Amino acid sequence: ALPAFNPPDTEGQDKRAAGRFALLALAGELATEYGITGWPEGAA
């Protein structure tokens, strides 16, 4: 639901791709929260 993955002119295939990038964001932020990556919060 973040704005980065919901541009105004998206269609069905765009939304499927956006969901995949959202999963990457979740995975990266989770690894950061667990203290594994050392990245700043929000970098992923």
PDB file of all heavy atoms in Angstrom:
ATOM      1  N   ALA A   1       0.806  -1.220   0.000  1.00  0.00           N
ATOM      2  CA  ALA A   1       0.000   0.000   0.000  1.00  0.00           C
ATOM      3  C   ALA A   1       0.842   1.274   0.000  1.00  0.00           C
ATOM      4  O   ALA A   1       0.293   2.378  -0.112  1.00  0.00           O
ATOM      5  CB  ALA A   1      -0.930  -0.005   1.222  1.00  0.00           C
ATOM      6  N   LEU A   2       2.170   1.156   0.107  1.00  0.00           N
ATOM      7  CA  LEU A   2       3.017   2.349   0.114  1.00  0.00           C
ATOM      8  C   LEU A   2       2.952   3.070  -1.228  1.00  0.00           C
ATOM      9  O   LEU A   2       2.813   2.431  -2.282  1.00  0.00           O
ATOM     10  CB  LEU A   2       4.467   1.950   0.426  1.00  0.00           C
ATOM     11  CG  LEU A   2       4.743   1.377   1.822  1.00  0.00           C
ATOM     12  CD1 LEU A   2       6.204   0.925   1.932  1.00  0.00           C
ATOM     13  CD2 LEU A   2       4.435   2.423   2.891  1.00  0.00           C
ATOM     14  N   PRO A   3       3.060   4.394  -1.236  1.00  0.00           N
ATOM     15  CA  PRO A   3       2.968   5.154  -2.497  1.00  0.00           C
ATOM     16  C   PRO A   3       3.998   4.727  -3.534  1.00  0.00           C
ATOM     17  O   PRO A   3       3.722   4.786  -4.733  1.00  0.00           O
ATOM     18  CB  PRO A   3       3.205   6.601  -2.041  1.00  0.00           C
ATOM     19  CG  PRO A   3       2.815   6.621  -0.597  1.00  0.00           C
ATOM     20  CD  PRO A   3       3.167   5.270  -0.061  1.00  0.00           C
ATOM     21  N   ALA A   4       5.171   4.286  -3.108  1.00  0.00           N
ATOM     22  CA  ALA A   4       6.210   3.899  -4.065  1.00  0.00           C
ATOM     23  C   ALA A   4       5.771   2.752  -4.957  1.00  0.00           C
ATOM     24  O   ALA A   4       6.265   2.618  -6.089  1.00  0.00           O
ATOM     25  CB  ALA A   4       7.488   3.506  -3.322  1.00  0.00           C
ATOM     26  N   PHE A   5       4.844   1.929  -4.471  1.00  0.00           N
ATOM     27  CA  PHE A   5       4.386   0.783  -5.251  1.00  0.00           C
ATOM     28  C   PHE A   5       2.972   0.978  -5.790  1.00  0.00           C
ATOM     29  O   PHE A   5       2.341   0.017  -6.243  1.00  0.00           O
ATOM     30  CB  PHE A   5       4.443  -0.480  -4.383  1.00  0.00           C
ATOM     31  CG  PHE A   5       5.779  -0.688  -3.721  1.00  0.00           C
ATOM     32  CD1 PHE A   5       5.900  -0.693  -2.343  1.00  0.00           C
ATOM     33  CD2 PHE A   5       6.927  -0.845  -4.489  1.00  0.00           C
ATOM     34  CE1 PHE A   5       7.134  -0.870  -1.733  1.00  0.00           C
ATOM     35  CE2 PHE A   5       8.162  -1.027  -3.897  1.00  0.00           C
ATOM     36  CZ  PHE A   5       8.278  -1.031  -2.514  1.00  0.00           C
ATOM     37  N   ASN A   6       2.480   2.208  -5.753  1.00  0.00           N
ATOM     38  CA  ASN A   6       1.124   2.498  -6.230  1.00  0.00           C
ATOM     39  C   ASN A   6       1.072   3.777  -7.054  1.00  0.00           C
ATOM     40  O   ASN A   6       0.362   4.723  -6.702  1.00  0.00           O
ATOM     41  CB  ASN A   6       0.153   2.611  -5.044  1.00  0.00           C
ATOM     42  CG  ASN A   6      -0.199   1.261  -4.465  1.00  0.00           C
ATOM     43  OD1 ASN A   6      -1.045   0.546  -4.991  1.00  0.00           O
ATOM     44  ND2 ASN A   6       0.478   0.902  -3.380  1.00  0.00           N
ATOM     45  N   PRO A   7       1.820   3.863  -8.154  1.00  0.00           N
ATOM     46  CA  PRO A   7       1.688   5.033  -9.016  1.00  0.00           C
ATOM     47  C   PRO A   7       0.276   5.103  -9.583  1.00  0.00           C
ATOM     48  O   PRO A   7      -0.425   4.089  -9.673  1.00  0.00           O
ATOM     49  CB  PRO A   7       2.728   4.793 -10.115  1.00  0.00           C
ATOM     50  CG  PRO A   7       3.014   3.345 -10.073  1.00  0.00           C
ATOM     51  CD  PRO A   7       2.805   2.901  -8.664  1.00  0.00           C
ATOM     52  N   PRO A   8      -0.186   6.284  -9.979  1.00  0.00           N
ATOM     53  CA  PRO A   8      -1.594   6.459 -10.342  1.00  0.00           C
ATOM     54  C   PRO A   8      -2.039   5.699 -11.584  1.00  0.00           C
ATOM     55  O   PRO A   8      -3.218   5.406 -11.736  1.00  0.00           O
ATOM     56  CB  PRO A   8      -1.713   7.972 -10.563  1.00  0.00           C
ATOM     57  CG  PRO A   8      -0.315   8.444 -10.809  1.00  0.00           C
ATOM     58  CD  PRO A   8       0.559   7.545 -10.007  1.00  0.00           C
ATOM     59  N   ASP A   9      -1.139   5.354 -12.498  1.00  0.00           N
ATOM     60  CA  ASP A   9      -1.540   4.755 -13.771  1.00  0.00           C
ATOM     61  C   ASP A   9      -1.213   3.265 -13.854  1.00  0.00           C
ATOM     62  O   ASP A   9      -0.987   2.729 -14.931  1.00  0.00           O
ATOM     63  CB  ASP A   9      -0.871   5.486 -14.933  1.00  0.00           C
ATOM     64  CG  ASP A   9       0.648   5.556 -14.770  1.00  0.00           C
ATOM     65  OD1 ASP A   9       1.131   5.265 -13.671  1.00  0.00           O
ATOM     66  OD2 ASP A   9       1.334   5.922 -15.743  1.00  0.00           O
ATOM     67  N   THR A  10      -1.190   2.560 -12.718  1.00  0.00           N
ATOM     68  CA  THR A  10      -0.843   1.136 -12.743  1.00  0.00           C
ATOM     69  C   THR A  10      -2.013   0.285 -13.215  1.00  0.00           C
ATOM     70  O   THR A  10      -3.178   0.614 -12.982  1.00  0.00           O
ATOM     71  CB  THR A  10      -0.412   0.652 -11.347  1.00  0.00           C
ATOM     72  OG1 THR A  10      -1.439   0.964 -10.407  1.00  0.00           O
ATOM     73  CG2 THR A  10       0.879   1.294 -10.932  1.00  0.00           C
ATOM     74  N   GLU A  11      -1.681  -0.817 -13.893  1.00  0.00           N
ATOM     75  CA  GLU A  11      -2.669  -1.802 -14.303  1.00  0.00           C
ATOM     76  C   GLU A  11      -2.361  -3.122 -13.605  1.00  0.00           C
ATOM     77  O   GLU A  11      -1.497  -3.186 -12.731  1.00  0.00           O
ATOM     78  CB  GLU A  11      -2.651  -1.957 -15.820  1.00  0.00           C
ATOM     79  CG  GLU A  11      -3.039  -0.678 -16.549  1.00  0.00           C
ATOM     80  CD  GLU A  11      -3.192  -0.903 -18.043  1.00  0.00           C
ATOM     81  OE1 GLU A  11      -3.441  -2.061 -18.449  1.00  0.00           O
ATOM     82  OE2 GLU A  11      -3.063   0.053 -18.811  1.00  0.00           O
ATOM     83  N   GLY A  12      -3.064  -4.181 -14.020  1.00  0.00           N
ATOM     84  CA  GLY A  12      -2.945  -5.459 -13.325  1.00  0.00           C
ATOM     85  C   GLY A  12      -1.534  -6.002 -13.279  1.00  0.00           C
ATOM     86  O   GLY A  12      -1.050  -6.440 -12.233  1.00  0.00           O
ATOM     87  N   GLN A  13      -0.834  -5.992 -14.418  1.00  0.00           N
ATOM     88  CA  GLN A  13       0.519  -6.537 -14.448  1.00  0.00           C
ATOM     89  C   GLN A  13       1.487  -5.655 -13.660  1.00  0.00           C
ATOM     90  O   GLN A  13       2.417  -6.157 -13.033  1.00  0.00           O
ATOM     91  CB  GLN A  13       0.978  -6.686 -15.899  1.00  0.00           C
ATOM     92  CG  GLN A  13       0.194  -7.758 -16.646  1.00  0.00           C
ATOM     93  CD  GLN A  13       0.455  -7.748 -18.126  1.00  0.00           C
ATOM     94  OE1 GLN A  13       1.403  -7.120 -18.590  1.00  0.00           O
ATOM     95  NE2 GLN A  13      -0.390  -8.427 -18.894  1.00  0.00           N
ATOM     96  N   ASP A  14       1.267  -4.347 -13.704  1.00  0.00           N
ATOM     97  CA  ASP A  14       2.089  -3.446 -12.897  1.00  0.00           C
ATOM     98  C   ASP A  14       1.925  -3.759 -11.414  1.00  0.00           C
ATOM     99  O   ASP A  14       2.896  -3.717 -10.652  1.00  0.00           O
ATOM    100  CB  ASP A  14       1.700  -1.983 -13.157  1.00  0.00           C
ATOM    101  CG  ASP A  14       2.022  -1.551 -14.578  1.00  0.00           C
ATOM    102  OD1 ASP A  14       3.110  -1.886 -15.050  1.00  0.00           O
ATOM    103  OD2 ASP A  14       1.185  -0.887 -15.202  1.00  0.00           O
ATOM    104  N   LYS A  15       0.696  -4.067 -11.007  1.00  0.00           N
ATOM    105  CA  LYS A  15       0.445  -4.345  -9.596  1.00  0.00           C
ATOM    106  C   LYS A  15       1.093  -5.651  -9.155  1.00  0.00           C
ATOM    107  O   LYS A  15       1.591  -5.758  -8.029  1.00  0.00           O
ATOM    108  CB  LYS A  15      -1.059  -4.380  -9.338  1.00  0.00           C
ATOM    109  CG  LYS A  15      -1.723  -3.012  -9.477  1.00  0.00           C
ATOM    110  CD  LYS A  15      -3.218  -3.083  -9.228  1.00  0.00           C
ATOM    111  CE  LYS A  15      -3.852  -1.693  -9.373  1.00  0.00           C
ATOM    112  NZ  LYS A  15      -5.317  -1.729  -9.183  1.00  0.00           N
ATOM    113  N   ARG A  16       1.115  -6.647 -10.054  1.00  0.00           N
ATOM    114  CA  ARG A  16       1.801  -7.902  -9.706  1.00  0.00           C
ATOM    115  C   ARG A  16       3.291  -7.662  -9.522  1.00  0.00           C
ATOM    116  O   ARG A  16       3.911  -8.180  -8.596  1.00  0.00           O
ATOM    117  CB  ARG A  16       1.574  -8.937 -10.813  1.00  0.00           C
ATOM    118  CG  ARG A  16       0.197  -9.561 -10.808  1.00  0.00           C
ATOM    119  CD  ARG A  16       0.080 -10.616 -11.882  1.00  0.00           C
ATOM    120  NE  ARG A  16       0.930 -11.771 -11.627  1.00  0.00           N
ATOM    121  CZ  ARG A  16       1.043 -12.806 -12.454  1.00  0.00           C
ATOM    122  NH1 ARG A  16       0.367 -12.823 -13.591  1.00  0.00           N
ATOM    123  NH2 ARG A  16       1.829 -13.810 -12.155  1.00  0.00           N
ATOM    124  N   ALA A  17       3.869  -6.876 -10.413  1.00  0.00           N
ATOM    125  CA  ALA A  17       5.290  -6.558 -10.284  1.00  0.00           C
ATOM    126  C   ALA A  17       5.554  -5.725  -9.036  1.00  0.00           C
ATOM    127  O   ALA A  17       6.544  -5.938  -8.324  1.00  0.00           O
ATOM    128  CB  ALA A  17       5.772  -5.812 -11.523  1.00  0.00           C
ATOM    129  N   ALA A  18       4.661  -4.780  -8.753  1.00  0.00           N
ATOM    130  CA  ALA A  18       4.815  -3.953  -7.555  1.00  0.00           C
ATOM    131  C   ALA A  18       4.777  -4.809  -6.297  1.00  0.00           C
ATOM    132  O   ALA A  18       5.517  -4.558  -5.334  1.00  0.00           O
ATOM    133  CB  ALA A  18       3.712  -2.898  -7.501  1.00  0.00           C
ATOM    134  N   GLY A  19       3.937  -5.861  -6.305  1.00  0.00           N
ATOM    135  CA  GLY A  19       3.880  -6.762  -5.164  1.00  0.00           C
ATOM    136  C   GLY A  19       5.192  -7.494  -4.946  1.00  0.00           C
ATOM    137  O   GLY A  19       5.604  -7.742  -3.805  1.00  0.00           O
ATOM    138  N   ARG A  20       5.887  -7.819  -6.048  1.00  0.00           N
ATOM    139  CA  ARG A  20       7.176  -8.498  -5.908  1.00  0.00           C
ATOM    140  C   ARG A  20       8.219  -7.560  -5.308  1.00  0.00           C
ATOM    141  O   ARG A  20       9.017  -7.964  -4.460  1.00  0.00           O
ATOM    142  CB  ARG A  20       7.631  -9.008  -7.274  1.00  0.00           C
ATOM    143  CG  ARG A  20       8.908  -9.817  -7.216  1.00  0.00           C
ATOM    144  CD  ARG A  20       8.949 -10.860  -8.298  1.00  0.00           C
ATOM    145  NE  ARG A  20       7.900 -11.855  -8.110  1.00  0.00           N
ATOM    146  CZ  ARG A  20       7.043 -12.243  -9.060  1.00  0.00           C
ATOM    147  NH1 ARG A  20       7.121 -11.739 -10.255  1.00  0.00           N
ATOM    148  NH2 ARG A  20       6.112 -13.128  -8.796  1.00  0.00           N
ATOM    149  N   PHE A  21       8.230  -6.305  -5.737  1.00  0.00           N
ATOM    150  CA  PHE A  21       9.177  -5.351  -5.170  1.00  0.00           C
ATOM    151  C   PHE A  21       8.821  -5.035  -3.715  1.00  0.00           C
ATOM    152  O   PHE A  21       9.715  -4.801  -2.895  1.00  0.00           O
ATOM    153  CB  PHE A  21       9.201  -4.072  -6.012  1.00  0.00           C
ATOM    154  CG  PHE A  21       9.990  -4.213  -7.282  1.00  0.00           C
ATOM    155  CD1 PHE A  21       9.348  -4.392  -8.496  1.00  0.00           C
ATOM    156  CD2 PHE A  21      11.372  -4.180  -7.267  1.00  0.00           C
ATOM    157  CE1 PHE A  21      10.066  -4.529  -9.675  1.00  0.00           C
ATOM    158  CE2 PHE A  21      12.105  -4.322  -8.437  1.00  0.00           C
ATOM    159  CZ  PHE A  21      11.454  -4.497  -9.651  1.00  0.00           C
ATOM    160  N   ALA A  22       7.527  -5.055  -3.393  1.00  0.00           N
ATOM    161  CA  ALA A  22       7.121  -4.847  -1.997  1.00  0.00           C
ATOM    162  C   ALA A  22       7.622  -5.985  -1.114  1.00  0.00           C
ATOM    163  O   ALA A  22       8.022  -5.772   0.032  1.00  0.00           O
ATOM    164  CB  ALA A  22       5.602  -4.725  -1.907  1.00  0.00           C
ATOM    165  N   LEU A  23       7.617  -7.210  -1.649  1.00  0.00           N
ATOM    166  CA  LEU A  23       8.156  -8.347  -0.899  1.00  0.00           C
ATOM    167  C   LEU A  23       9.644  -8.157  -0.636  1.00  0.00           C
ATOM    168  O   LEU A  23      10.138  -8.472   0.459  1.00  0.00           O
ATOM    169  CB  LEU A  23       7.912  -9.639  -1.681  1.00  0.00           C
ATOM    170  CG  LEU A  23       8.509 -10.914  -1.066  1.00  0.00           C
ATOM    171  CD1 LEU A  23       7.806 -11.247   0.252  1.00  0.00           C
ATOM    172  CD2 LEU A  23       8.404 -12.085  -2.039  1.00  0.00           C
ATOM    173  N   LEU A  24      10.378  -7.635  -1.619  1.00  0.00           N
ATOM    174  CA  LEU A  24      11.805  -7.369  -1.424  1.00  0.00           C
ATOM    175  C   LEU A  24      12.015  -6.311  -0.349  1.00  0.00           C
ATOM    176  O   LEU A  24      12.945  -6.397   0.451  1.00  0.00           O
ATOM    177  CB  LEU A  24      12.441  -6.929  -2.736  1.00  0.00           C
ATOM    178  CG  LEU A  24      12.449  -7.960  -3.867  1.00  0.00           C
ATOM    179  CD1 LEU A  24      13.109  -7.390  -5.110  1.00  0.00           C
ATOM    180  CD2 LEU A  24      13.160  -9.222  -3.436  1.00  0.00           C
ATOM    181  N   ALA A  25      11.144  -5.295  -0.355  1.00  0.00           N
ATOM    182  CA  ALA A  25      11.242  -4.269   0.680  1.00  0.00           C
ATOM    183  C   ALA A  25      11.026  -4.880   2.060  1.00  0.00           C
ATOM    184  O   ALA A  25      11.765  -4.599   3.014  1.00  0.00           O
ATOM    185  CB  ALA A  25      10.221  -3.170   0.415  1.00  0.00           C
ATOM    186  N   LEU A  26      10.005  -5.753   2.179  1.00  0.00           N
ATOM    187  CA  LEU A  26       9.729  -6.415   3.456  1.00  0.00           C
ATOM    188  C   LEU A  26      10.914  -7.277   3.888  1.00  0.00           C
ATOM    189  O   LEU A  26      11.337  -7.234   5.047  1.00  0.00           O
ATOM    190  CB  LEU A  26       8.468  -7.271   3.318  1.00  0.00           C
ATOM    191  CG  LEU A  26       8.164  -8.234   4.474  1.00  0.00           C
ATOM    192  CD1 LEU A  26       7.970  -7.473   5.783  1.00  0.00           C
ATOM    193  CD2 LEU A  26       6.930  -9.079   4.150  1.00  0.00           C
ATOM    194  N   ALA A  27      11.468  -8.063   2.958  1.00  0.00           N
ATOM    195  CA  ALA A  27      12.579  -8.945   3.301  1.00  0.00           C
ATOM    196  C   ALA A  27      13.795  -8.154   3.762  1.00  0.00           C
ATOM    197  O   ALA A  27      14.444  -8.499   4.763  1.00  0.00           O
ATOM    198  CB  ALA A  27      12.938  -9.810   2.085  1.00  0.00           C
ATOM    199  N   GLY A  28      14.113  -7.085   3.042  1.00  0.00           N
ATOM    200  CA  GLY A  28      15.267  -6.277   3.415  1.00  0.00           C
ATOM    201  C   GLY A  28      15.087  -5.578   4.745  1.00  0.00           C
ATOM    202  O   GLY A  28      16.011  -5.519   5.574  1.00  0.00           O
ATOM    203  N   GLU A  29      13.904  -5.032   4.985  1.00  0.00           N
ATOM    204  CA  GLU A  29      13.645  -4.338   6.251  1.00  0.00           C
ATOM    205  C   GLU A  29      13.635  -5.324   7.416  1.00  0.00           C
ATOM    206  O   GLU A  29      14.072  -4.994   8.528  1.00  0.00           O
ATOM    207  CB  GLU A  29      12.318  -3.585   6.182  1.00  0.00           C
ATOM    208  CG  GLU A  29      12.265  -2.465   5.151  1.00  0.00           C
ATOM    209  CD  GLU A  29      13.259  -1.350   5.430  1.00  0.00           C
ATOM    210  OE1 GLU A  29      13.786  -1.267   6.560  1.00  0.00           O
ATOM    211  OE2 GLU A  29      13.517  -0.554   4.514  1.00  0.00           O
ATOM    212  N   LEU A  30      13.137  -6.537   7.160  1.00  0.00           N
ATOM    213  CA  LEU A  30      13.106  -7.542   8.215  1.00  0.00           C
ATOM    214  C   LEU A  30      14.528  -7.962   8.585  1.00  0.00           C
ATOM    215  O   LEU A  30      14.862  -8.104   9.775  1.00  0.00           O
ATOM    216  CB  LEU A  30      12.297  -8.749   7.731  1.00  0.00           C
ATOM    217  CG  LEU A  30      11.735  -9.688   8.807  1.00  0.00           C
ATOM    218  CD1 LEU A  30      10.816  -8.944   9.747  1.00  0.00           C
ATOM    219  CD2 LEU A  30      10.984 -10.843   8.136  1.00  0.00           C
ATOM    220  N   ALA A  31      15.385  -8.169   7.570  1.00  0.00           N
ATOM    221  CA  ALA A  31      16.771  -8.514   7.847  1.00  0.00           C
ATOM    222  C   ALA A  31      17.486  -7.397   8.594  1.00  0.00           C
ATOM    223  O   ALA A  31      18.351  -7.645   9.440  1.00  0.00           O
ATOM    224  CB  ALA A  31      17.501  -8.819   6.536  1.00  0.00           C
ATOM    225  N   THR A  32      17.116  -6.162   8.305  1.00  0.00           N
ATOM    226  CA  THR A  32      17.687  -5.017   9.027  1.00  0.00           C
ATOM    227  C   THR A  32      17.201  -4.995  10.472  1.00  0.00           C
ATOM    228  O   THR A  32      17.974  -4.772  11.412  1.00  0.00           O
ATOM    229  CB  THR A  32      17.311  -3.709   8.316  1.00  0.00           C
ATOM    230  OG1 THR A  32      17.825  -3.743   6.975  1.00  0.00           O
ATOM    231  CG2 THR A  32      17.882  -2.510   9.040  1.00  0.00           C
ATOM    232  N   GLU A  33      15.899  -5.235  10.657  1.00  0.00           N
ATOM    233  CA  GLU A  33      15.326  -5.264  12.012  1.00  0.00           C
ATOM    234  C   GLU A  33      15.964  -6.366  12.853  1.00  0.00           C
ATOM    235  O   GLU A  33      16.178  -6.189  14.059  1.00  0.00           O
ATOM    236  CB  GLU A  33      13.814  -5.500  11.912  1.00  0.00           C
ATOM    237  CG  GLU A  33      13.117  -5.604  13.256  1.00  0.00           C
ATOM    238  CD  GLU A  33      11.668  -6.030  13.122  1.00  0.00           C
ATOM    239  OE1 GLU A  33      11.005  -5.602  12.156  1.00  0.00           O
ATOM    240  OE2 GLU A  33      11.213  -6.809  13.980  1.00  0.00           O
ATOM    241  N   TYR A  34      16.288  -7.496  12.230  1.00  0.00           N
ATOM    242  CA  TYR A  34      16.911  -8.602  12.948  1.00  0.00           C
ATOM    243  C   TYR A  34      18.396  -8.353  13.251  1.00  0.00           C
ATOM    244  O   TYR A  34      19.054  -9.184  13.878  1.00  0.00           O
ATOM    245  CB  TYR A  34      16.793  -9.890  12.131  1.00  0.00           C
ATOM    246  CG  TYR A  34      15.399 -10.456  12.023  1.00  0.00           C
ATOM    247  CD1 TYR A  34      15.092 -11.418  11.060  1.00  0.00           C
ATOM    248  CD2 TYR A  34      14.376 -10.051  12.882  1.00  0.00           C
ATOM    249  CE1 TYR A  34      13.818 -11.962  10.961  1.00  0.00           C
ATOM    250  CE2 TYR A  34      13.103 -10.586  12.775  1.00  0.00           C
ATOM    251  CZ  TYR A  34      12.814 -11.538  11.812  1.00  0.00           C
ATOM    252  OH  TYR A  34      11.556 -12.063  11.707  1.00  0.00           O
ATOM    253  N   GLY A  35      18.933  -7.238  12.784  1.00  0.00           N
ATOM    254  CA  GLY A  35      20.319  -6.896  13.056  1.00  0.00           C
ATOM    255  C   GLY A  35      21.321  -7.624  12.178  1.00  0.00           C
ATOM    256  O   GLY A  35      22.487  -7.755  12.550  1.00  0.00           O
ATOM    257  N   ILE A  36      20.889  -8.059  11.015  1.00  0.00           N
ATOM    258  CA  ILE A  36      21.761  -8.849  10.152  1.00  0.00           C
ATOM    259  C   ILE A  36      22.511  -7.984   9.147  1.00  0.00           C
ATOM    260  O   ILE A  36      23.706  -8.174   8.921  1.00  0.00           O
ATOM    261  CB  ILE A  36      20.944  -9.937   9.430  1.00  0.00           C
ATOM    262  CG1 ILE A  36      20.372 -10.912  10.462  1.00  0.00           C
ATOM    263  CG2 ILE A  36      21.788 -10.679   8.400  1.00  0.00           C
ATOM    264  CD1 ILE A  36      19.340 -11.845   9.920  1.00  0.00           C
ATOM    265  N   THR A  37      21.829  -7.023   8.536  1.00  0.00           N
ATOM    266  CA  THR A  37      22.439  -6.258   7.439  1.00  0.00           C
ATOM    267  C   THR A  37      23.207  -5.029   7.898  1.00  0.00           C
ATOM    268  O   THR A  37      24.167  -4.615   7.247  1.00  0.00           O
ATOM    269  CB  THR A  37      21.362  -5.816   6.447  1.00  0.00           C
ATOM    270  OG1 THR A  37      20.442  -4.912   7.110  1.00  0.00           O
ATOM    271  CG2 THR A  37      20.583  -7.014   5.914  1.00  0.00           C
ATOM    272  N   GLY A  38      22.739  -4.382   8.972  1.00  0.00           N
ATOM    273  CA  GLY A  38      23.352  -3.128   9.391  1.00  0.00           C
ATOM    274  C   GLY A  38      22.934  -1.943   8.536  1.00  0.00           C
ATOM    275  O   GLY A  38      23.511  -0.858   8.644  1.00  0.00           O
ATOM    276  N   TRP A  39      21.912  -2.105   7.682  1.00  0.00           N
ATOM    277  CA  TRP A  39      21.449  -1.000   6.831  1.00  0.00           C
ATOM    278  C   TRP A  39      20.598  -0.016   7.629  1.00  0.00           C
ATOM    279  O   TRP A  39      19.974  -0.392   8.634  1.00  0.00           O
ATOM    280  CB  TRP A  39      20.590  -1.535   5.683  1.00  0.00           C
ATOM    281  CG  TRP A  39      21.299  -2.448   4.740  1.00  0.00           C
ATOM    282  CD1 TRP A  39      22.639  -2.484   4.484  1.00  0.00           C
ATOM    283  CD2 TRP A  39      20.712  -3.488   3.948  1.00  0.00           C
ATOM    284  NE1 TRP A  39      22.922  -3.458   3.566  1.00  0.00           N
ATOM    285  CE2 TRP A  39      21.763  -4.099   3.213  1.00  0.00           C
ATOM    286  CE3 TRP A  39      19.415  -3.954   3.766  1.00  0.00           C
ATOM    287  CZ2 TRP A  39      21.543  -5.145   2.329  1.00  0.00           C
ATOM    288  CZ3 TRP A  39      19.185  -4.992   2.880  1.00  0.00           C
ATOM    289  CH2 TRP A  39      20.237  -5.586   2.174  1.00  0.00           C
ATOM    290  N   PRO A  40      20.537   1.232   7.186  1.00  0.00           N
ATOM    291  CA  PRO A  40      19.622   2.180   7.828  1.00  0.00           C
ATOM    292  C   PRO A  40      18.172   1.745   7.610  1.00  0.00           C
ATOM    293  O   PRO A  40      17.841   1.126   6.595  1.00  0.00           O
ATOM    294  CB  PRO A  40      19.902   3.504   7.094  1.00  0.00           C
ATOM    295  CG  PRO A  40      21.204   3.308   6.403  1.00  0.00           C
ATOM    296  CD  PRO A  40      21.331   1.848   6.120  1.00  0.00           C
ATOM    297  N   GLU A  41      17.324   2.083   8.538  1.00  0.00           N
ATOM    298  CA  GLU A  41      15.910   1.756   8.394  1.00  0.00           C
ATOM    299  C   GLU A  41      15.340   2.468   7.171  1.00  0.00           C
ATOM    300  O   GLU A  41      15.563   3.650   6.966  1.00  0.00           O
ATOM    301  CB  GLU A  41      15.158   2.182   9.651  1.00  0.00           C
ATOM    302  CG  GLU A  41      13.688   1.800   9.647  1.00  0.00           C
ATOM    303  CD  GLU A  41      12.983   2.207  10.930  1.00  0.00           C
ATOM    304  OE1 GLU A  41      13.685   2.383  11.950  1.00  0.00           O
ATOM    305  OE2 GLU A  41      11.747   2.340  10.910  1.00  0.00           O
ATOM    306  N   GLY A  42      14.611   1.750   6.348  1.00  0.00           N
ATOM    307  CA  GLY A  42      14.015   2.324   5.144  1.00  0.00           C
ATOM    308  C   GLY A  42      14.866   2.182   3.899  1.00  0.00           C
ATOM    309  O   GLY A  42      14.392   2.456   2.786  1.00  0.00           O
ATOM    310  N   ALA A  43      16.120   1.740   4.037  1.00  0.00           N
ATOM    311  CA  ALA A  43      17.002   1.620   2.869  1.00  0.00           C
ATOM    312  C   ALA A  43      16.480   0.573   1.889  1.00  0.00           C
ATOM    313  O   ALA A  43      16.526   0.768   0.669  1.00  0.00           O
ATOM    314  CB  ALA A  43      18.419   1.288   3.317  1.00  0.00           C
ATOM    315  N   ALA A  44      16.004  -0.546   2.394  1.00  0.00           N
ATOM    316  CA  ALA A  44      15.499  -1.600   1.516  1.00  0.00           C
ATOM    317  C   ALA A  44      14.237  -1.155   0.787  1.00  0.00           C
ATOM    318  O   ALA A  44      14.045  -1.452  -0.400  1.00  0.00           O
ATOM    319  CB  ALA A  44      15.229  -2.868   2.325  1.00  0.00           C
TER     320      ALA A  44
END
